[in-house]
Amino acid sequence: MISEPSRHCTVELQALPARIGQVRRIISAQLRYWHLDPLIDQAALGVTELLTNVHRHAQPDKSCTVDIELLLDRLTVSVHDHDPRLPTVNEADSFATSGRGLALIAAFSESWGVRPIGS
């Protein structure tokens, strides 16, 4: 059994609007390089939603790390920030213009979750 990722990419950043677009392009290019073109749109959307959550909600700062790992045939995309509070999925009002990011992640991911810092 392979215990280490066969492919791995890490990007550290401040989750600011201009950087979110740059990281989305970096992740897309990396997946293209790995010949995972069918996963680009979902991964880019997921990264955008998660980084937007960091930008809007994370405290004490907007520093975060995006990791993508390919182990055998499973792609894992994760975003780590320094906020000790765990994000929650909220029911968005029908007319709300935001608040659906984690629900969207849950809808198109095979699995997803959150972990406290240090676990």
C-alpha atoms as a PDB file:
ATOM      1  CA  MET A   1       0.000   0.000   0.000  1.00  0.00           C
ATOM      2  CA  ILE A   2       1.279   3.460  -0.884  1.00  0.00           C
ATOM      3  CA  SER A   3       1.383   5.696   2.181  1.00  0.00           C
ATOM      4  CA  GLU A   4       2.655   8.874   0.518  1.00  0.00           C
ATOM      5  CA  PRO A   5       0.788  10.894  -2.102  1.00  0.00           C
ATOM      6  CA  SER A   6       1.917  10.056  -5.592  1.00  0.00           C
ATOM      7  CA  ARG A   7       1.454  13.717  -6.532  1.00  0.00           C
ATOM      8  CA  HIS A   8       1.209  16.778  -4.326  1.00  0.00           C
ATOM      9  CA  CYS A   9       0.994  20.558  -4.746  1.00  0.00           C
ATOM     10  CA  THR A  10       0.845  23.200  -2.005  1.00  0.00           C
ATOM     11  CA  VAL A  11       0.139  26.923  -2.320  1.00  0.00           C
ATOM     12  CA  GLU A  12       0.395  29.322   0.641  1.00  0.00           C
ATOM     13  CA  LEU A  13      -1.427  32.627   0.350  1.00  0.00           C
ATOM     14  CA  GLN A  14      -3.475  35.428   1.850  1.00  0.00           C
ATOM     15  CA  ALA A  15      -7.092  34.735   0.842  1.00  0.00           C
ATOM     16  CA  LEU A  16      -7.669  38.076  -0.842  1.00  0.00           C
ATOM     17  CA  PRO A  17      -9.900  38.381  -3.927  1.00  0.00           C
ATOM     18  CA  ALA A  18      -7.044  38.875  -6.420  1.00  0.00           C
ATOM     19  CA  ARG A  19      -5.120  35.912  -5.017  1.00  0.00           C
ATOM     20  CA  ILE A  20      -8.161  33.609  -5.129  1.00  0.00           C
ATOM     21  CA  GLY A  21      -8.297  33.878  -8.923  1.00  0.00           C
ATOM     22  CA  GLN A  22      -4.550  33.296  -9.186  1.00  0.00           C
ATOM     23  CA  VAL A  23      -4.715  30.169  -7.036  1.00  0.00           C
ATOM     24  CA  ARG A  24      -7.671  28.869  -9.049  1.00  0.00           C
ATOM     25  CA  ARG A  25      -5.524  29.179 -12.189  1.00  0.00           C
ATOM     26  CA  ILE A  26      -2.549  27.491 -10.464  1.00  0.00           C
ATOM     27  CA  ILE A  27      -4.716  24.552  -9.358  1.00  0.00           C
ATOM     28  CA  SER A  28      -6.230  24.256 -12.841  1.00  0.00           C
ATOM     29  CA  ALA A  29      -2.784  24.257 -14.466  1.00  0.00           C
ATOM     30  CA  GLN A  30      -1.489  21.646 -12.012  1.00  0.00           C
ATOM     31  CA  LEU A  31      -4.426  19.326 -12.684  1.00  0.00           C
ATOM     32  CA  ARG A  32      -3.953  19.817 -16.419  1.00  0.00           C
ATOM     33  CA  TYR A  33      -0.264  18.874 -15.986  1.00  0.00           C
ATOM     34  CA  TRP A  34      -1.355  15.720 -14.137  1.00  0.00           C
ATOM     35  CA  HIS A  35      -3.761  14.937 -17.030  1.00  0.00           C
ATOM     36  CA  LEU A  36      -6.797  15.307 -14.765  1.00  0.00           C
ATOM     37  CA  ASP A  37      -8.684  17.659 -17.069  1.00  0.00           C
ATOM     38  CA  PRO A  38     -12.139  16.223 -16.185  1.00  0.00           C
ATOM     39  CA  LEU A  39     -11.627  17.322 -12.555  1.00  0.00           C
ATOM     40  CA  ILE A  40     -10.496  20.888 -13.229  1.00  0.00           C
ATOM     41  CA  ASP A  41     -13.885  22.629 -13.112  1.00  0.00           C
ATOM     42  CA  GLN A  42     -15.006  20.976  -9.873  1.00  0.00           C
ATOM     43  CA  ALA A  43     -11.643  21.454  -8.149  1.00  0.00           C
ATOM     44  CA  ALA A  44     -11.411  25.095  -9.250  1.00  0.00           C
ATOM     45  CA  LEU A  45     -14.958  25.778  -8.048  1.00  0.00           C
ATOM     46  CA  GLY A  46     -14.250  24.060  -4.729  1.00  0.00           C
ATOM     47  CA  VAL A  47     -11.038  26.010  -4.174  1.00  0.00           C
ATOM     48  CA  THR A  48     -12.826  29.254  -5.030  1.00  0.00           C
ATOM     49  CA  GLU A  49     -15.637  28.554  -2.561  1.00  0.00           C
ATOM     50  CA  LEU A  50     -13.280  27.509   0.245  1.00  0.00           C
ATOM     51  CA  LEU A  51     -10.920  30.454  -0.237  1.00  0.00           C
ATOM     52  CA  THR A  52     -13.885  32.819  -0.349  1.00  0.00           C
ATOM     53  CA  ASN A  53     -14.972  31.400   3.018  1.00  0.00           C
ATOM     54  CA  VAL A  54     -11.493  32.086   4.411  1.00  0.00           C
ATOM     55  CA  HIS A  55     -11.610  35.631   3.013  1.00  0.00           C
ATOM     56  CA  ARG A  56     -15.042  36.348   4.494  1.00  0.00           C
ATOM     57  CA  HIS A  57     -14.913  34.519   7.803  1.00  0.00           C
ATOM     58  CA  ALA A  58     -11.441  33.453   8.982  1.00  0.00           C
ATOM     59  CA  GLN A  59      -9.849  35.097  12.003  1.00  0.00           C
ATOM     60  CA  PRO A  60      -7.324  36.237  13.127  1.00  0.00           C
ATOM     61  CA  ASP A  61      -5.959  36.607   9.576  1.00  0.00           C
ATOM     62  CA  LYS A  62      -6.502  35.481   5.995  1.00  0.00           C
ATOM     63  CA  SER A  63      -3.369  33.314   5.758  1.00  0.00           C
ATOM     64  CA  CYS A  64      -4.097  29.845   4.451  1.00  0.00           C
ATOM     65  CA  THR A  65      -2.690  26.880   2.578  1.00  0.00           C
ATOM     66  CA  VAL A  66      -4.242  25.021  -0.347  1.00  0.00           C
ATOM     67  CA  ASP A  67      -3.148  21.412  -0.830  1.00  0.00           C
ATOM     68  CA  ILE A  68      -4.014  19.103  -3.666  1.00  0.00           C
ATOM     69  CA  GLU A  69      -2.972  15.475  -3.478  1.00  0.00           C
ATOM     70  CA  LEU A  70      -3.466  12.592  -5.858  1.00  0.00           C
ATOM     71  CA  LEU A  71      -3.109   9.227  -4.159  1.00  0.00           C
ATOM     72  CA  LEU A  72      -3.754   6.360  -6.512  1.00  0.00           C
ATOM     73  CA  ASP A  73      -7.022   7.457  -8.162  1.00  0.00           C
ATOM     74  CA  ARG A  74      -8.309   9.836  -5.459  1.00  0.00           C
ATOM     75  CA  LEU A  75      -7.867  13.598  -5.655  1.00  0.00           C
ATOM     76  CA  THR A  76      -8.045  15.476  -2.353  1.00  0.00           C
ATOM     77  CA  VAL A  77      -8.304  19.260  -2.268  1.00  0.00           C
ATOM     78  CA  SER A  78      -7.950  20.922   1.127  1.00  0.00           C
ATOM     79  CA  VAL A  79      -7.734  24.443   2.491  1.00  0.00           C
ATOM     80  CA  HIS A  80      -6.196  25.115   5.919  1.00  0.00           C
ATOM     81  CA  ASP A  81      -6.555  28.409   7.770  1.00  0.00           C
ATOM     82  CA  HIS A  82      -5.664  29.582  11.289  1.00  0.00           C
ATOM     83  CA  ASP A  83      -9.182  30.101  12.613  1.00  0.00           C
ATOM     84  CA  PRO A  84      -9.959  27.777  15.543  1.00  0.00           C
ATOM     85  CA  ARG A  85     -13.690  27.992  14.747  1.00  0.00           C
ATOM     86  CA  LEU A  86     -15.037  25.250  12.483  1.00  0.00           C
ATOM     87  CA  PRO A  87     -17.174  26.240   9.494  1.00  0.00           C
ATOM     88  CA  THR A  88     -20.780  25.089   9.383  1.00  0.00           C
ATOM     89  CA  VAL A  89     -23.227  24.475   6.562  1.00  0.00           C
ATOM     90  CA  ASN A  90     -26.094  26.949   6.756  1.00  0.00           C
ATOM     91  CA  GLU A  91     -29.484  26.893   5.094  1.00  0.00           C
ATOM     92  CA  ALA A  92     -29.384  29.844   2.712  1.00  0.00           C
ATOM     93  CA  ASP A  93     -32.506  31.891   2.147  1.00  0.00           C
ATOM     94  CA  SER A  94     -33.925  31.421  -1.368  1.00  0.00           C
ATOM     95  CA  PHE A  95     -33.101  35.015  -2.241  1.00  0.00           C
ATOM     96  CA  ALA A  96     -29.696  35.170  -0.532  1.00  0.00           C
ATOM     97  CA  THR A  97     -26.749  36.016  -2.761  1.00  0.00           C
ATOM     98  CA  SER A  98     -24.246  34.103  -0.617  1.00  0.00           C
ATOM     99  CA  GLY A  99     -24.091  31.391   2.021  1.00  0.00           C
ATOM    100  CA  ARG A 100     -24.185  28.294  -0.167  1.00  0.00           C
ATOM    101  CA  GLY A 101     -20.464  27.535  -0.505  1.00  0.00           C
ATOM    102  CA  LEU A 102     -20.182  24.555   1.843  1.00  0.00           C
ATOM    103  CA  ALA A 103     -23.494  23.124   0.640  1.00  0.00           C
ATOM    104  CA  LEU A 104     -22.131  23.355  -2.896  1.00  0.00           C
ATOM    105  CA  ILE A 105     -18.921  21.576  -1.828  1.00  0.00           C
ATOM    106  CA  ALA A 106     -21.005  18.808  -0.231  1.00  0.00           C
ATOM    107  CA  ALA A 107     -23.145  18.453  -3.362  1.00  0.00           C
ATOM    108  CA  PHE A 108     -20.322  17.767  -5.804  1.00  0.00           C
ATOM    109  CA  SER A 109     -17.763  16.055  -3.561  1.00  0.00           C
ATOM    110  CA  GLU A 110     -17.542  12.330  -2.999  1.00  0.00           C
ATOM    111  CA  SER A 111     -16.768  13.177   0.622  1.00  0.00           C
ATOM    112  CA  TRP A 112     -15.859  16.302   2.549  1.00  0.00           C
ATOM    113  CA  GLY A 113     -15.364  17.472   6.095  1.00  0.00           C
ATOM    114  CA  VAL A 114     -13.654  19.817   8.518  1.00  0.00           C
ATOM    115  CA  ARG A 115     -11.000  19.214  11.161  1.00  0.00           C
ATOM    116  CA  PRO A 116      -9.830  21.407  14.016  1.00  0.00           C
ATOM    117  CA  ILE A 117      -6.313  22.815  13.881  1.00  0.00           C
ATOM    118  CA  GLY A 118      -3.730  20.293  15.018  1.00  0.00           C
ATOM    119  CA  SER A 119      -5.744  17.150  14.363  1.00  0.00           C
END
